[in-house]
């Protein structure tokens, strides 16, 4: 039986990734290993593997994260001065989701959504 999914995304610089996810998005570090980082917030866990040669302009890493308080999350990120993706402000989509998106330091796309 499947119980969880923990995406693995590329990172060039562990310090920059840790700083972004902890200080900008409010995650906590749950694992730090040679070339590997794990963070968690609420029930969401994301893992990162070191990929120093990654070209952010060619990175297609993406994660869709569901929430039950999209408005509160969006406001808290704006209050923390977290940069929202230029094409991803909070909006209602035709597929019945209210969504917004961010790009992390390595251009991994994080989309947050809530069913409406």
PDB file of N, CA and C in Angstrom:
ATOM      1  N   UNK A   1       0.842  -1.178   0.000  1.00  0.00           N
ATOM      2  CA  UNK A   1       0.000   0.000   0.000  1.00  0.00           C
ATOM      3  C   UNK A   1       0.889   1.244   0.000  1.00  0.00           C
ATOM      4  N   UNK A   2       0.599   2.180  -0.885  1.00  0.00           N
ATOM      5  CA  UNK A   2       1.349   3.431  -0.939  1.00  0.00           C
ATOM      6  C   UNK A   2       0.889   4.348   0.183  1.00  0.00           C
ATOM      7  N   UNK A   3       1.827   5.018   0.827  1.00  0.00           N
ATOM      8  CA  UNK A   3       1.464   5.876   1.959  1.00  0.00           C
ATOM      9  C   UNK A   3       1.969   7.314   1.840  1.00  0.00           C
ATOM     10  N   UNK A   4       2.958   7.568   1.022  1.00  0.00           N
ATOM     11  CA  UNK A   4       3.570   8.892   0.980  1.00  0.00           C
ATOM     12  C   UNK A   4       4.326   9.057  -0.328  1.00  0.00           C
ATOM     13  N   UNK A   5       4.608  10.299  -0.664  1.00  0.00           N
ATOM     14  CA  UNK A   5       5.522  10.582  -1.767  1.00  0.00           C
ATOM     15  C   UNK A   5       6.420  11.734  -1.331  1.00  0.00           C
ATOM     16  N   UNK A   6       7.708  11.578  -1.570  1.00  0.00           N
ATOM     17  CA  UNK A   6       8.688  12.595  -1.208  1.00  0.00           C
ATOM     18  C   UNK A   6       9.517  12.916  -2.449  1.00  0.00           C
ATOM     19  N   UNK A   7       9.170  13.994  -3.141  1.00  0.00           N
ATOM     20  CA  UNK A   7       9.898  14.320  -4.365  1.00  0.00           C
ATOM     21  C   UNK A   7      11.373  14.595  -4.095  1.00  0.00           C
ATOM     22  N   UNK A   8      12.196  14.271  -5.088  1.00  0.00           N
ATOM     23  CA  UNK A   8      13.632  14.545  -5.045  1.00  0.00           C
ATOM     24  C   UNK A   8      13.939  15.535  -6.157  1.00  0.00           C
ATOM     25  N   UNK A   9      14.453  16.698  -5.775  1.00  0.00           N
ATOM     26  CA  UNK A   9      14.736  17.763  -6.719  1.00  0.00           C
ATOM     27  C   UNK A   9      16.234  18.062  -6.733  1.00  0.00           C
ATOM     28  N   UNK A  10      16.748  18.556  -7.856  1.00  0.00           N
ATOM     29  CA  UNK A  10      18.167  18.898  -7.926  1.00  0.00           C
ATOM     30  C   UNK A  10      18.473  20.212  -7.211  1.00  0.00           C
ATOM     31  N   UNK A  11      19.687  20.294  -6.672  1.00  0.00           N
ATOM     32  CA  UNK A  11      20.171  21.541  -6.058  1.00  0.00           C
ATOM     33  C   UNK A  11      21.640  21.725  -6.435  1.00  0.00           C
ATOM     34  N   UNK A  12      22.027  22.953  -6.661  1.00  0.00           N
ATOM     35  CA  UNK A  12      23.433  23.255  -6.943  1.00  0.00           C
ATOM     36  C   UNK A  12      24.199  23.543  -5.671  1.00  0.00           C
ATOM     37  N   UNK A  13      23.555  24.218  -4.732  1.00  0.00           N
ATOM     38  CA  UNK A  13      24.234  24.697  -3.534  1.00  0.00           C
ATOM     39  C   UNK A  13      23.354  24.408  -2.328  1.00  0.00           C
ATOM     40  N   UNK A  14      23.809  23.504  -1.491  1.00  0.00           N
ATOM     41  CA  UNK A  14      22.998  23.086  -0.339  1.00  0.00           C
ATOM     42  C   UNK A  14      22.688  24.257   0.591  1.00  0.00           C
ATOM     43  N   UNK A  15      23.629  25.126   0.810  1.00  0.00           N
ATOM     44  CA  UNK A  15      23.410  26.266   1.711  1.00  0.00           C
ATOM     45  C   UNK A  15      22.293  27.165   1.185  1.00  0.00           C
ATOM     46  N   UNK A  16      22.303  27.468  -0.114  1.00  0.00           N
ATOM     47  CA  UNK A  16      21.274  28.324  -0.710  1.00  0.00           C
ATOM     48  C   UNK A  16      19.907  27.640  -0.667  1.00  0.00           C
ATOM     49  N   UNK A  17      19.883  26.338  -0.941  1.00  0.00           N
ATOM     50  CA  UNK A  17      18.624  25.595  -0.906  1.00  0.00           C
ATOM     51  C   UNK A  17      18.061  25.563   0.509  1.00  0.00           C
ATOM     52  N   UNK A  18      18.904  25.241   1.476  1.00  0.00           N
ATOM     53  CA  UNK A  18      18.483  25.194   2.883  1.00  0.00           C
ATOM     54  C   UNK A  18      17.941  26.562   3.310  1.00  0.00           C
ATOM     55  N   UNK A  19      18.661  27.616   2.995  1.00  0.00           N
ATOM     56  CA  UNK A  19      18.253  28.964   3.387  1.00  0.00           C
ATOM     57  C   UNK A  19      16.885  29.316   2.794  1.00  0.00           C
ATOM     58  N   UNK A  20      16.674  29.009   1.525  1.00  0.00           N
ATOM     59  CA  UNK A  20      15.410  29.337   0.879  1.00  0.00           C
ATOM     60  C   UNK A  20      14.250  28.583   1.514  1.00  0.00           C
ATOM     61  N   UNK A  21      14.387  27.287   1.649  1.00  0.00           N
ATOM     62  CA  UNK A  21      13.274  26.484   2.156  1.00  0.00           C
ATOM     63  C   UNK A  21      12.995  26.744   3.636  1.00  0.00           C
ATOM     64  N   UNK A  22      14.025  27.004   4.417  1.00  0.00           N
ATOM     65  CA  UNK A  22      13.824  27.255   5.850  1.00  0.00           C
ATOM     66  C   UNK A  22      13.407  28.706   6.106  1.00  0.00           C
ATOM     67  N   UNK A  23      14.167  29.656   5.579  1.00  0.00           N
ATOM     68  CA  UNK A  23      13.920  31.063   5.903  1.00  0.00           C
ATOM     69  C   UNK A  23      12.834  31.725   5.060  1.00  0.00           C
ATOM     70  N   UNK A  24      12.623  31.269   3.841  1.00  0.00           N
ATOM     71  CA  UNK A  24      11.586  31.865   2.992  1.00  0.00           C
ATOM     72  C   UNK A  24      10.262  31.107   3.068  1.00  0.00           C
ATOM     73  N   UNK A  25      10.347  29.760   3.106  1.00  0.00           N
ATOM     74  CA  UNK A  25       9.120  28.968   3.024  1.00  0.00           C
ATOM     75  C   UNK A  25       8.696  28.345   4.348  1.00  0.00           C
ATOM     76  N   UNK A  26       9.531  28.407   5.373  1.00  0.00           N
ATOM     77  CA  UNK A  26       9.143  27.916   6.691  1.00  0.00           C
ATOM     78  C   UNK A  26       9.274  26.419   6.898  1.00  0.00           C
ATOM     79  N   UNK A  27      10.074  25.737   6.072  1.00  0.00           N
ATOM     80  CA  UNK A  27      10.334  24.314   6.275  1.00  0.00           C
ATOM     81  C   UNK A  27      11.350  24.147   7.402  1.00  0.00           C
ATOM     82  N   UNK A  28      11.497  22.932   7.892  1.00  0.00           N
ATOM     83  CA  UNK A  28      12.556  22.620   8.855  1.00  0.00           C
ATOM     84  C   UNK A  28      13.440  21.541   8.253  1.00  0.00           C
ATOM     85  N   UNK A  29      14.701  21.588   8.579  1.00  0.00           N
ATOM     86  CA  UNK A  29      15.639  20.577   8.097  1.00  0.00           C
ATOM     87  C   UNK A  29      15.438  19.285   8.879  1.00  0.00           C
ATOM     88  N   UNK A  30      15.343  18.170   8.168  1.00  0.00           N
ATOM     89  CA  UNK A  30      15.207  16.876   8.846  1.00  0.00           C
ATOM     90  C   UNK A  30      16.325  15.915   8.459  1.00  0.00           C
ATOM     91  N   UNK A  31      17.205  16.319   7.564  1.00  0.00           N
ATOM     92  CA  UNK A  31      18.322  15.463   7.189  1.00  0.00           C
ATOM     93  C   UNK A  31      19.325  16.223   6.348  1.00  0.00           C
ATOM     94  N   UNK A  32      20.595  16.063   6.680  1.00  0.00           N
ATOM     95  CA  UNK A  32      21.678  16.714   5.953  1.00  0.00           C
ATOM     96  C   UNK A  32      22.807  15.702   5.818  1.00  0.00           C
ATOM     97  N   UNK A  33      23.033  15.259   4.593  1.00  0.00           N
ATOM     98  CA  UNK A  33      24.038  14.246   4.317  1.00  0.00           C
ATOM     99  C   UNK A  33      24.930  14.729   3.184  1.00  0.00           C
ATOM    100  N   UNK A  34      25.987  14.021   2.928  1.00  0.00           N
ATOM    101  CA  UNK A  34      26.892  14.350   1.831  1.00  0.00           C
ATOM    102  C   UNK A  34      26.096  14.412   0.524  1.00  0.00           C
ATOM    103  N   UNK A  35      25.957  15.619  -0.040  1.00  0.00           N
ATOM    104  CA  UNK A  35      25.264  15.786  -1.312  1.00  0.00           C
ATOM    105  C   UNK A  35      23.754  15.597  -1.269  1.00  0.00           C
ATOM    106  N   UNK A  36      23.165  15.642  -0.075  1.00  0.00           N
ATOM    107  CA  UNK A  36      21.732  15.360   0.057  1.00  0.00           C
ATOM    108  C   UNK A  36      21.154  16.187   1.192  1.00  0.00           C
ATOM    109  N   UNK A  37      19.939  16.706   0.992  1.00  0.00           N
ATOM    110  CA  UNK A  37      19.259  17.522   1.990  1.00  0.00           C
ATOM    111  C   UNK A  37      17.790  17.119   2.027  1.00  0.00           C
ATOM    112  N   UNK A  38      17.210  17.089   3.233  1.00  0.00           N
ATOM    113  CA  UNK A  38      15.787  16.777   3.393  1.00  0.00           C
ATOM    114  C   UNK A  38      15.145  17.856   4.263  1.00  0.00           C
ATOM    115  N   UNK A  39      13.984  18.360   3.807  1.00  0.00           N
ATOM    116  CA  UNK A  39      13.241  19.370   4.562  1.00  0.00           C
ATOM    117  C   UNK A  39      11.789  18.935   4.676  1.00  0.00           C
ATOM    118  N   UNK A  40      11.111  19.492   5.691  1.00  0.00           N
ATOM    119  CA  UNK A  40       9.717  19.119   5.931  1.00  0.00           C
ATOM    120  C   UNK A  40       8.943  20.320   6.459  1.00  0.00           C
ATOM    121  N   UNK A  41       7.678  20.404   6.045  1.00  0.00           N
ATOM    122  CA  UNK A  41       6.744  21.398   6.593  1.00  0.00           C
ATOM    123  C   UNK A  41       5.381  20.728   6.636  1.00  0.00           C
ATOM    124  N   UNK A  42       4.776  20.717   7.806  1.00  0.00           N
ATOM    125  CA  UNK A  42       3.513  20.024   8.008  1.00  0.00           C
ATOM    126  C   UNK A  42       3.692  18.571   7.543  1.00  0.00           C
ATOM    127  N   UNK A  43       2.913  18.129   6.574  1.00  0.00           N
ATOM    128  CA  UNK A  43       3.027  16.744   6.094  1.00  0.00           C
ATOM    129  C   UNK A  43       3.835  16.627   4.797  1.00  0.00           C
ATOM    130  N   UNK A  44       4.447  17.724   4.354  1.00  0.00           N
ATOM    131  CA  UNK A  44       5.190  17.747   3.090  1.00  0.00           C
ATOM    132  C   UNK A  44       6.683  17.596   3.363  1.00  0.00           C
ATOM    133  N   UNK A  45       7.277  16.618   2.707  1.00  0.00           N
ATOM    134  CA  UNK A  45       8.711  16.376   2.818  1.00  0.00           C
ATOM    135  C   UNK A  45       9.299  16.437   1.409  1.00  0.00           C
ATOM    136  N   UNK A  46      10.377  17.215   1.252  1.00  0.00           N
ATOM    137  CA  UNK A  46      11.059  17.323  -0.035  1.00  0.00           C
ATOM    138  C   UNK A  46      12.528  16.985   0.177  1.00  0.00           C
ATOM    139  N   UNK A  47      13.074  16.179  -0.739  1.00  0.00           N
ATOM    140  CA  UNK A  47      14.487  15.806  -0.703  1.00  0.00           C
ATOM    141  C   UNK A  47      15.204  16.485  -1.865  1.00  0.00           C
ATOM    142  N   UNK A  48      16.468  16.776  -1.664  1.00  0.00           N
ATOM    143  CA  UNK A  48      17.290  17.418  -2.692  1.00  0.00           C
ATOM    144  C   UNK A  48      18.589  16.646  -2.859  1.00  0.00           C
ATOM    145  N   UNK A  49      18.993  16.449  -4.102  1.00  0.00           N
ATOM    146  CA  UNK A  49      20.271  15.816  -4.393  1.00  0.00           C
ATOM    147  C   UNK A  49      21.183  16.840  -5.057  1.00  0.00           C
ATOM    148  N   UNK A  50      22.454  16.751  -4.755  1.00  0.00           N
ATOM    149  CA  UNK A  50      23.424  17.691  -5.297  1.00  0.00           C
ATOM    150  C   UNK A  50      23.627  17.453  -6.787  1.00  0.00           C
ATOM    151  N   UNK A  51      23.544  18.544  -7.549  1.00  0.00           N
ATOM    152  CA  UNK A  51      23.756  18.514  -8.992  1.00  0.00           C
ATOM    153  C   UNK A  51      24.425  19.838  -9.338  1.00  0.00           C
ATOM    154  N   UNK A  52      25.729  19.924  -9.074  1.00  0.00           N
ATOM    155  CA  UNK A  52      26.457  21.184  -9.220  1.00  0.00           C
ATOM    156  C   UNK A  52      26.463  21.709 -10.645  1.00  0.00           C
ATOM    157  N   UNK A  53      26.378  20.831 -11.626  1.00  0.00           N
ATOM    158  CA  UNK A  53      26.418  21.255 -13.027  1.00  0.00           C
ATOM    159  C   UNK A  53      25.042  21.665 -13.565  1.00  0.00           C
ATOM    160  N   UNK A  54      24.038  21.673 -12.725  1.00  0.00           N
ATOM    161  CA  UNK A  54      22.684  22.026 -13.156  1.00  0.00           C
ATOM    162  C   UNK A  54      22.652  23.436 -13.733  1.00  0.00           C
ATOM    163  N   UNK A  55      22.037  23.567 -14.885  1.00  0.00           N
ATOM    164  CA  UNK A  55      21.775  24.874 -15.472  1.00  0.00           C
ATOM    165  C   UNK A  55      20.319  25.214 -15.140  1.00  0.00           C
ATOM    166  N   UNK A  56      20.081  26.188 -14.248  1.00  0.00           N
ATOM    167  CA  UNK A  56      18.704  26.506 -13.841  1.00  0.00           C
ATOM    168  C   UNK A  56      17.776  26.808 -15.016  1.00  0.00           C
ATOM    169  N   UNK A  57      18.321  27.317 -16.120  1.00  0.00           N
ATOM    170  CA  UNK A  57      17.490  27.620 -17.286  1.00  0.00           C
ATOM    171  C   UNK A  57      17.019  26.356 -17.992  1.00  0.00           C
ATOM    172  N   UNK A  58      17.638  25.236 -17.672  1.00  0.00           N
ATOM    173  CA  UNK A  58      17.256  23.961 -18.289  1.00  0.00           C
ATOM    174  C   UNK A  58      16.659  22.985 -17.274  1.00  0.00           C
ATOM    175  N   UNK A  59      16.338  23.476 -16.089  1.00  0.00           N
ATOM    176  CA  UNK A  59      15.773  22.615 -15.047  1.00  0.00           C
ATOM    177  C   UNK A  59      14.253  22.580 -15.174  1.00  0.00           C
ATOM    178  N   UNK A  60      13.717  21.376 -15.248  1.00  0.00           N
ATOM    179  CA  UNK A  60      12.280  21.214 -15.353  1.00  0.00           C
ATOM    180  C   UNK A  60      11.694  20.544 -14.114  1.00  0.00           C
ATOM    181  N   UNK A  61      12.425  20.588 -12.978  1.00  0.00           N
ATOM    182  CA  UNK A  61      11.911  20.021 -11.734  1.00  0.00           C
ATOM    183  C   UNK A  61      10.644  20.749 -11.313  1.00  0.00           C
ATOM    184  N   UNK A  62       9.603  19.978 -10.979  1.00  0.00           N
ATOM    185  CA  UNK A  62       8.327  20.567 -10.582  1.00  0.00           C
ATOM    186  C   UNK A  62       7.676  19.726  -9.503  1.00  0.00           C
ATOM    187  N   UNK A  63       7.008  20.401  -8.580  1.00  0.00           N
ATOM    188  CA  UNK A  63       6.236  19.728  -7.533  1.00  0.00           C
ATOM    189  C   UNK A  63       4.921  20.486  -7.382  1.00  0.00           C
ATOM    190  N   UNK A  64       3.817  19.732  -7.273  1.00  0.00           N
ATOM    191  CA  UNK A  64       2.510  20.319  -7.001  1.00  0.00           C
ATOM    192  C   UNK A  64       2.155  19.967  -5.564  1.00  0.00           C
ATOM    193  N   UNK A  65       1.950  20.988  -4.737  1.00  0.00           N
ATOM    194  CA  UNK A  65       1.688  20.794  -3.309  1.00  0.00           C
ATOM    195  C   UNK A  65       0.281  21.285  -3.000  1.00  0.00           C
ATOM    196  N   UNK A  66      -0.534  20.402  -2.476  1.00  0.00           N
ATOM    197  CA  UNK A  66      -1.898  20.784  -2.096  1.00  0.00           C
ATOM    198  C   UNK A  66      -1.893  21.346  -0.670  1.00  0.00           C
ATOM    199  N   UNK A  67      -2.793  22.305  -0.457  1.00  0.00           N
ATOM    200  CA  UNK A  67      -2.937  22.938   0.848  1.00  0.00           C
ATOM    201  C   UNK A  67      -4.423  23.093   1.162  1.00  0.00           C
ATOM    202  N   UNK A  68      -4.728  23.284   2.438  1.00  0.00           N
ATOM    203  CA  UNK A  68      -6.118  23.537   2.810  1.00  0.00           C
ATOM    204  C   UNK A  68      -6.319  24.994   3.242  1.00  0.00           C
ATOM    205  N   UNK A  69      -5.288  25.848   3.019  1.00  0.00           N
ATOM    206  CA  UNK A  69      -5.381  27.272   3.344  1.00  0.00           C
ATOM    207  C   UNK A  69      -4.527  28.068   2.365  1.00  0.00           C
ATOM    208  N   UNK A  70      -4.914  28.045   1.102  1.00  0.00           N
ATOM    209  CA  UNK A  70      -4.126  28.696   0.048  1.00  0.00           C
ATOM    210  C   UNK A  70      -3.994  30.200   0.290  1.00  0.00           C
ATOM    211  N   UNK A  71      -5.077  30.841   0.752  1.00  0.00           N
ATOM    212  CA  UNK A  71      -5.025  32.293   0.975  1.00  0.00           C
ATOM    213  C   UNK A  71      -4.063  32.627   2.112  1.00  0.00           C
ATOM    214  N   UNK A  72      -4.126  31.889   3.203  1.00  0.00           N
ATOM    215  CA  UNK A  72      -3.234  32.134   4.329  1.00  0.00           C
ATOM    216  C   UNK A  72      -1.779  31.873   3.978  1.00  0.00           C
ATOM    217  N   UNK A  73      -1.517  30.797   3.230  1.00  0.00           N
ATOM    218  CA  UNK A  73      -0.149  30.483   2.814  1.00  0.00           C
ATOM    219  C   UNK A  73       0.392  31.571   1.899  1.00  0.00           C
ATOM    220  N   UNK A  74      -0.400  31.984   0.934  1.00  0.00           N
ATOM    221  CA  UNK A  74       0.017  33.030   0.001  1.00  0.00           C
ATOM    222  C   UNK A  74       0.342  34.326   0.745  1.00  0.00           C
ATOM    223  N   UNK A  75      -0.541  34.706   1.657  1.00  0.00           N
ATOM    224  CA  UNK A  75      -0.315  35.931   2.431  1.00  0.00           C
ATOM    225  C   UNK A  75       0.951  35.826   3.277  1.00  0.00           C
ATOM    226  N   UNK A  76       1.167  34.675   3.912  1.00  0.00           N
ATOM    227  CA  UNK A  76       2.361  34.525   4.757  1.00  0.00           C
ATOM    228  C   UNK A  76       3.639  34.617   3.925  1.00  0.00           C
ATOM    229  N   UNK A  77       3.617  34.089   2.711  1.00  0.00           N
ATOM    230  CA  UNK A  77       4.800  34.182   1.859  1.00  0.00           C
ATOM    231  C   UNK A  77       5.024  35.613   1.386  1.00  0.00           C
ATOM    232  N   UNK A  78       3.941  36.314   1.038  1.00  0.00           N
ATOM    233  CA  UNK A  78       4.076  37.724   0.664  1.00  0.00           C
ATOM    234  C   UNK A  78       4.600  38.542   1.843  1.00  0.00           C
ATOM    235  N   UNK A  79       4.079  38.273   3.043  1.00  0.00           N
ATOM    236  CA  UNK A  79       4.539  38.983   4.238  1.00  0.00           C
ATOM    237  C   UNK A  79       6.027  38.729   4.496  1.00  0.00           C
ATOM    238  N   UNK A  80       6.507  37.542   4.114  1.00  0.00           N
ATOM    239  CA  UNK A  80       7.912  37.183   4.296  1.00  0.00           C
ATOM    240  C   UNK A  80       8.767  37.649   3.109  1.00  0.00           C
ATOM    241  N   UNK A  81       8.135  38.375   2.174  1.00  0.00           N
ATOM    242  CA  UNK A  81       8.799  38.907   0.986  1.00  0.00           C
ATOM    243  C   UNK A  81       9.365  37.811   0.088  1.00  0.00           C
ATOM    244  N   UNK A  82       8.673  36.678   0.047  1.00  0.00           N
ATOM    245  CA  UNK A  82       9.044  35.585  -0.844  1.00  0.00           C
ATOM    246  C   UNK A  82       8.589  35.940  -2.253  1.00  0.00           C
ATOM    247  N   UNK A  83       9.487  35.806  -3.214  1.00  0.00           N
ATOM    248  CA  UNK A  83       9.174  36.152  -4.592  1.00  0.00           C
ATOM    249  C   UNK A  83       8.237  35.114  -5.209  1.00  0.00           C
ATOM    250  N   UNK A  84       7.131  35.592  -5.736  1.00  0.00           N
ATOM    251  CA  UNK A  84       6.155  34.753  -6.421  1.00  0.00           C
ATOM    252  C   UNK A  84       6.554  34.693  -7.901  1.00  0.00           C
ATOM    253  N   UNK A  85       6.366  33.538  -8.530  1.00  0.00           N
ATOM    254  CA  UNK A  85       6.698  33.390  -9.952  1.00  0.00           C
ATOM    255  C   UNK A  85       5.956  34.466 -10.740  1.00  0.00           C
ATOM    256  N   UNK A  86       6.633  35.135 -11.683  1.00  0.00           N
ATOM    257  CA  UNK A  86       5.971  36.216 -12.435  1.00  0.00           C
ATOM    258  C   UNK A  86       4.702  35.763 -13.157  1.00  0.00           C
ATOM    259  N   UNK A  87       4.633  34.500 -13.558  1.00  0.00           N
ATOM    260  CA  UNK A  87       3.439  33.990 -14.229  1.00  0.00           C
ATOM    261  C   UNK A  87       2.568  33.171 -13.289  1.00  0.00           C
ATOM    262  N   UNK A  88       2.841  33.267 -11.968  1.00  0.00           N
ATOM    263  CA  UNK A  88       2.140  32.390 -11.045  1.00  0.00           C
ATOM    264  C   UNK A  88       1.513  33.038  -9.837  1.00  0.00           C
ATOM    265  N   UNK A  89       0.935  34.248  -9.952  1.00  0.00           N
ATOM    266  CA  UNK A  89       0.259  34.809  -8.777  1.00  0.00           C
ATOM    267  C   UNK A  89      -0.985  33.997  -8.427  1.00  0.00           C
ATOM    268  N   UNK A  90      -1.479  34.201  -7.254  1.00  0.00           N
ATOM    269  CA  UNK A  90      -2.673  33.487  -6.800  1.00  0.00           C
ATOM    270  C   UNK A  90      -3.842  33.773  -7.728  1.00  0.00           C
ATOM    271  N   UNK A  91      -4.404  32.693  -8.270  1.00  0.00           N
ATOM    272  CA  UNK A  91      -5.552  32.836  -9.160  1.00  0.00           C
ATOM    273  C   UNK A  91      -6.337  31.532  -9.215  1.00  0.00           C
ATOM    274  N   UNK A  92      -7.595  31.665  -9.612  1.00  0.00           N
ATOM    275  CA  UNK A  92      -8.451  30.501  -9.780  1.00  0.00           C
ATOM    276  C   UNK A  92      -8.286  29.979 -11.195  1.00  0.00           C
ATOM    277  N   UNK A  93      -8.048  28.674 -11.297  1.00  0.00           N
ATOM    278  CA  UNK A  93      -7.804  28.037 -12.590  1.00  0.00           C
ATOM    279  C   UNK A  93      -9.078  27.362 -13.094  1.00  0.00           C
ATOM    280  N   UNK A  94      -9.197  27.161 -14.401  1.00  0.00           N
ATOM    281  CA  UNK A  94     -10.398  26.531 -14.970  1.00  0.00           C
ATOM    282  C   UNK A  94     -10.612  25.093 -14.490  1.00  0.00           C
ATOM    283  N   UNK A  95      -9.570  24.467 -13.974  1.00  0.00           N
ATOM    284  CA  UNK A  95      -9.684  23.075 -13.516  1.00  0.00           C
ATOM    285  C   UNK A  95     -10.092  22.961 -12.052  1.00  0.00           C
ATOM    286  N   UNK A  96     -10.604  24.059 -11.487  1.00  0.00           N
ATOM    287  CA  UNK A  96     -11.186  24.016 -10.154  1.00  0.00           C
ATOM    288  C   UNK A  96     -10.192  24.108  -9.013  1.00  0.00           C
ATOM    289  N   UNK A  97      -9.051  24.686  -9.285  1.00  0.00           N
ATOM    290  CA  UNK A  97      -8.029  24.870  -8.254  1.00  0.00           C
ATOM    291  C   UNK A  97      -7.713  26.360  -8.130  1.00  0.00           C
ATOM    292  N   UNK A  98      -7.416  26.777  -6.915  1.00  0.00           N
ATOM    293  CA  UNK A  98      -6.871  28.109  -6.663  1.00  0.00           C
ATOM    294  C   UNK A  98      -5.385  27.857  -6.455  1.00  0.00           C
ATOM    295  N   UNK A  99      -4.523  28.517  -7.236  1.00  0.00           N
ATOM    296  CA  UNK A  99      -3.098  28.186  -7.254  1.00  0.00           C
ATOM    297  C   UNK A  99      -2.205  29.417  -7.285  1.00  0.00           C
ATOM    298  N   UNK A 100      -0.938  29.187  -6.891  1.00  0.00           N
ATOM    299  CA  UNK A 100       0.155  30.120  -7.136  1.00  0.00           C
ATOM    300  C   UNK A 100       1.437  29.315  -7.238  1.00  0.00           C
ATOM    301  N   UNK A 101       2.490  29.945  -7.759  1.00  0.00           N
ATOM    302  CA  UNK A 101       3.733  29.214  -7.992  1.00  0.00           C
ATOM    303  C   UNK A 101       4.958  30.037  -7.591  1.00  0.00           C
ATOM    304  N   UNK A 102       6.018  29.309  -7.245  1.00  0.00           N
ATOM    305  CA  UNK A 102       7.315  29.886  -6.887  1.00  0.00           C
ATOM    306  C   UNK A 102       8.408  29.149  -7.649  1.00  0.00           C
ATOM    307  N   UNK A 103       9.549  29.798  -7.821  1.00  0.00           N
ATOM    308  CA  UNK A 103      10.750  29.135  -8.310  1.00  0.00           C
ATOM    309  C   UNK A 103      11.790  29.183  -7.199  1.00  0.00           C
ATOM    310  N   UNK A 104      12.368  28.033  -6.871  1.00  0.00           N
ATOM    311  CA  UNK A 104      13.419  28.026  -5.855  1.00  0.00           C
ATOM    312  C   UNK A 104      14.742  28.465  -6.491  1.00  0.00           C
ATOM    313  N   UNK A 105      15.832  28.531  -5.744  1.00  0.00           N
ATOM    314  CA  UNK A 105      17.100  29.036  -6.302  1.00  0.00           C
ATOM    315  C   UNK A 105      17.620  28.254  -7.507  1.00  0.00           C
ATOM    316  N   UNK A 106      17.149  27.030  -7.715  1.00  0.00           N
ATOM    317  CA  UNK A 106      17.601  26.219  -8.840  1.00  0.00           C
ATOM    318  C   UNK A 106      16.545  26.099  -9.936  1.00  0.00           C
ATOM    319  N   UNK A 107      15.525  26.938  -9.859  1.00  0.00           N
ATOM    320  CA  UNK A 107      14.408  26.969 -10.805  1.00  0.00           C
ATOM    321  C   UNK A 107      13.526  25.731 -10.751  1.00  0.00           C
ATOM    322  N   UNK A 108      13.484  25.047  -9.610  1.00  0.00           N
ATOM    323  CA  UNK A 108      12.469  24.028  -9.388  1.00  0.00           C
ATOM    324  C   UNK A 108      11.158  24.762  -9.181  1.00  0.00           C
ATOM    325  N   UNK A 109      10.139  24.388  -9.935  1.00  0.00           N
ATOM    326  CA  UNK A 109       8.838  25.045  -9.844  1.00  0.00           C
ATOM    327  C   UNK A 109       8.005  24.401  -8.751  1.00  0.00           C
ATOM    328  N   UNK A 110       7.578  25.213  -7.786  1.00  0.00           N
ATOM    329  CA  UNK A 110       6.700  24.763  -6.706  1.00  0.00           C
ATOM    330  C   UNK A 110       5.340  25.405  -6.937  1.00  0.00           C
ATOM    331  N   UNK A 111       4.339  24.596  -7.226  1.00  0.00           N
ATOM    332  CA  UNK A 111       2.985  25.102  -7.395  1.00  0.00           C
ATOM    333  C   UNK A 111       2.170  24.652  -6.205  1.00  0.00           C
ATOM    334  N   UNK A 112       1.480  25.597  -5.584  1.00  0.00           N
ATOM    335  CA  UNK A 112       0.617  25.312  -4.437  1.00  0.00           C
ATOM    336  C   UNK A 112      -0.825  25.455  -4.880  1.00  0.00           C
ATOM    337  N   UNK A 113      -1.679  24.520  -4.488  1.00  0.00           N
ATOM    338  CA  UNK A 113      -3.056  24.579  -4.930  1.00  0.00           C
ATOM    339  C   UNK A 113      -4.049  24.064  -3.908  1.00  0.00           C
ATOM    340  N   UNK A 114      -5.261  24.578  -4.023  1.00  0.00           N
ATOM    341  CA  UNK A 114      -6.371  24.158  -3.175  1.00  0.00           C
ATOM    342  C   UNK A 114      -7.613  24.033  -4.041  1.00  0.00           C
ATOM    343  N   UNK A 115      -8.346  22.946  -3.866  1.00  0.00           N
ATOM    344  CA  UNK A 115      -9.610  22.767  -4.580  1.00  0.00           C
ATOM    345  C   UNK A 115     -10.612  23.809  -4.127  1.00  0.00           C
ATOM    346  N   UNK A 116     -11.396  24.311  -5.078  1.00  0.00           N
ATOM    347  CA  UNK A 116     -12.417  25.303  -4.716  1.00  0.00           C
ATOM    348  C   UNK A 116     -13.798  24.729  -4.939  1.00  0.00           C
TER     349      UNK A 116
END
